[in-house]
Amino acid sequence: MSKEIKKVGRPTNPKSKRQIKLTEREQKREAGLLKRGRPSVEGSKRQQVMAAREAKRAAGIEVKRGRPKQVKVEATTEEAK
């Protein structure tokens, strides 16, 4: 009894535009040349904020995230009068 693996699904055409694009993308990924996403702009407000945050982390300062928690003060009976 031989253990042959039968390929399932549609056969791929290696000369199709999609397959060529996928192989080029894979080659770029292996070479480290695949660029994804929107490029960052040096000197933008967002980059300055991120650099300042990273500098604080490097200095050992605690960096808090999000909106500060609202402190609720319970009214006493004398203040309510």
C-alpha atoms as a PDB file:
ATOM      1  CA  MET A   1       0.000   0.000   0.000  1.00  0.00           C
ATOM      2  CA  SER A   2       1.557   3.309  -1.078  1.00  0.00           C
ATOM      3  CA  LYS A   3       0.997   6.557   0.774  1.00  0.00           C
ATOM      4  CA  GLU A   4       0.291   8.969  -2.063  1.00  0.00           C
ATOM      5  CA  ILE A   5      -1.033  12.376  -1.186  1.00  0.00           C
ATOM      6  CA  LYS A   6      -3.735  13.435  -3.580  1.00  0.00           C
ATOM      7  CA  LYS A   7      -3.839  17.169  -4.220  1.00  0.00           C
ATOM      8  CA  VAL A   8      -7.320  18.521  -3.659  1.00  0.00           C
ATOM      9  CA  GLY A   9      -8.934  21.571  -5.249  1.00  0.00           C
ATOM     10  CA  ARG A  10      -8.501  23.527  -8.434  1.00  0.00           C
ATOM     11  CA  PRO A  11      -5.155  23.354 -10.183  1.00  0.00           C
ATOM     12  CA  THR A  12      -3.202  26.608 -10.175  1.00  0.00           C
ATOM     13  CA  ASN A  13      -1.799  28.208 -13.291  1.00  0.00           C
ATOM     14  CA  PRO A  14       1.713  29.473 -12.415  1.00  0.00           C
ATOM     15  CA  LYS A  15       1.616  31.898 -15.366  1.00  0.00           C
ATOM     16  CA  SER A  16      -1.545  33.701 -14.262  1.00  0.00           C
ATOM     17  CA  LYS A  17      -1.284  37.332 -13.169  1.00  0.00           C
ATOM     18  CA  ARG A  18      -2.412  36.505  -9.647  1.00  0.00           C
ATOM     19  CA  GLN A  19       0.138  33.717  -9.162  1.00  0.00           C
ATOM     20  CA  ILE A  20       2.925  35.914 -10.572  1.00  0.00           C
ATOM     21  CA  LYS A  21       1.928  38.714  -8.172  1.00  0.00           C
ATOM     22  CA  LEU A  22       1.856  36.290  -5.221  1.00  0.00           C
ATOM     23  CA  THR A  23       5.304  34.864  -6.022  1.00  0.00           C
ATOM     24  CA  GLU A  24       6.768  38.372  -6.414  1.00  0.00           C
ATOM     25  CA  ARG A  25       5.254  39.375  -3.072  1.00  0.00           C
ATOM     26  CA  GLU A  26       6.691  36.262  -1.399  1.00  0.00           C
ATOM     27  CA  GLN A  27      10.150  36.985  -2.842  1.00  0.00           C
ATOM     28  CA  LYS A  28       9.995  40.584  -1.582  1.00  0.00           C
ATOM     29  CA  ARG A  29       8.874  39.343   1.852  1.00  0.00           C
ATOM     30  CA  GLU A  30      11.860  36.967   2.055  1.00  0.00           C
ATOM     31  CA  ALA A  31      14.252  39.745   0.974  1.00  0.00           C
ATOM     32  CA  GLY A  32      12.749  42.179   3.485  1.00  0.00           C
ATOM     33  CA  LEU A  33      11.653  44.633   0.793  1.00  0.00           C
ATOM     34  CA  LEU A  34       7.902  44.261   1.224  1.00  0.00           C
ATOM     35  CA  LYS A  35       6.497  47.563   2.422  1.00  0.00           C
ATOM     36  CA  ARG A  36       3.070  47.503   3.988  1.00  0.00           C
ATOM     37  CA  GLY A  37       0.866  50.272   5.293  1.00  0.00           C
ATOM     38  CA  ARG A  38       1.095  53.999   5.057  1.00  0.00           C
ATOM     39  CA  PRO A  39       4.590  55.501   5.390  1.00  0.00           C
ATOM     40  CA  SER A  40       5.189  57.654   8.445  1.00  0.00           C
ATOM     41  CA  VAL A  41       6.019  61.347   8.072  1.00  0.00           C
ATOM     42  CA  GLU A  42       9.066  62.404  10.069  1.00  0.00           C
ATOM     43  CA  GLY A  43       8.467  65.442  12.263  1.00  0.00           C
ATOM     44  CA  SER A  44       4.683  65.075  12.352  1.00  0.00           C
ATOM     45  CA  LYS A  45       2.801  65.737  15.571  1.00  0.00           C
ATOM     46  CA  ARG A  46       2.062  62.014  15.988  1.00  0.00           C
ATOM     47  CA  GLN A  47       5.732  61.074  15.561  1.00  0.00           C
ATOM     48  CA  GLN A  48       6.747  63.702  18.141  1.00  0.00           C
ATOM     49  CA  VAL A  49       4.221  62.362  20.657  1.00  0.00           C
ATOM     50  CA  MET A  50       5.416  58.797  20.097  1.00  0.00           C
ATOM     51  CA  ALA A  51       9.078  59.856  20.458  1.00  0.00           C
ATOM     52  CA  ALA A  52       8.319  61.679  23.712  1.00  0.00           C
ATOM     53  CA  ARG A  53       6.447  58.639  25.042  1.00  0.00           C
ATOM     54  CA  GLU A  54       9.365  56.356  24.139  1.00  0.00           C
ATOM     55  CA  ALA A  55      11.830  58.755  25.813  1.00  0.00           C
ATOM     56  CA  LYS A  56       9.752  58.642  29.003  1.00  0.00           C
ATOM     57  CA  ARG A  57       9.742  54.846  28.935  1.00  0.00           C
ATOM     58  CA  ALA A  58      13.523  54.799  28.438  1.00  0.00           C
ATOM     59  CA  ALA A  59      13.938  57.164  31.397  1.00  0.00           C
ATOM     60  CA  GLY A  60      11.833  54.880  33.586  1.00  0.00           C
ATOM     61  CA  ILE A  61       8.865  57.232  33.903  1.00  0.00           C
ATOM     62  CA  GLU A  62       5.466  55.552  34.069  1.00  0.00           C
ATOM     63  CA  VAL A  63       3.476  56.238  30.897  1.00  0.00           C
ATOM     64  CA  LYS A  64      -0.254  56.243  31.471  1.00  0.00           C
ATOM     65  CA  ARG A  65      -2.699  55.462  28.691  1.00  0.00           C
ATOM     66  CA  GLY A  66      -6.206  56.697  28.060  1.00  0.00           C
ATOM     67  CA  ARG A  67      -8.397  59.202  29.780  1.00  0.00           C
ATOM     68  CA  PRO A  68      -7.802  59.815  33.514  1.00  0.00           C
ATOM     69  CA  LYS A  69     -10.268  58.172  35.842  1.00  0.00           C
ATOM     70  CA  GLN A  70     -12.890  60.558  37.210  1.00  0.00           C
ATOM     71  CA  VAL A  71     -12.777  60.829  40.999  1.00  0.00           C
ATOM     72  CA  LYS A  72     -16.278  60.797  42.425  1.00  0.00           C
ATOM     73  CA  VAL A  73     -16.820  62.664  45.669  1.00  0.00           C
ATOM     74  CA  GLU A  74     -19.754  61.495  47.738  1.00  0.00           C
ATOM     75  CA  ALA A  75     -21.849  64.303  49.164  1.00  0.00           C
ATOM     76  CA  THR A  76     -22.420  64.216  52.886  1.00  0.00           C
ATOM     77  CA  THR A  77     -25.690  65.230  54.516  1.00  0.00           C
ATOM     78  CA  GLU A  78     -24.301  68.590  55.641  1.00  0.00           C
ATOM     79  CA  GLU A  79     -23.179  69.565  52.124  1.00  0.00           C
ATOM     80  CA  ALA A  80     -26.563  68.638  50.657  1.00  0.00           C
ATOM     81  CA  LYS A  81     -28.373  71.161  52.914  1.00  0.00           C
END
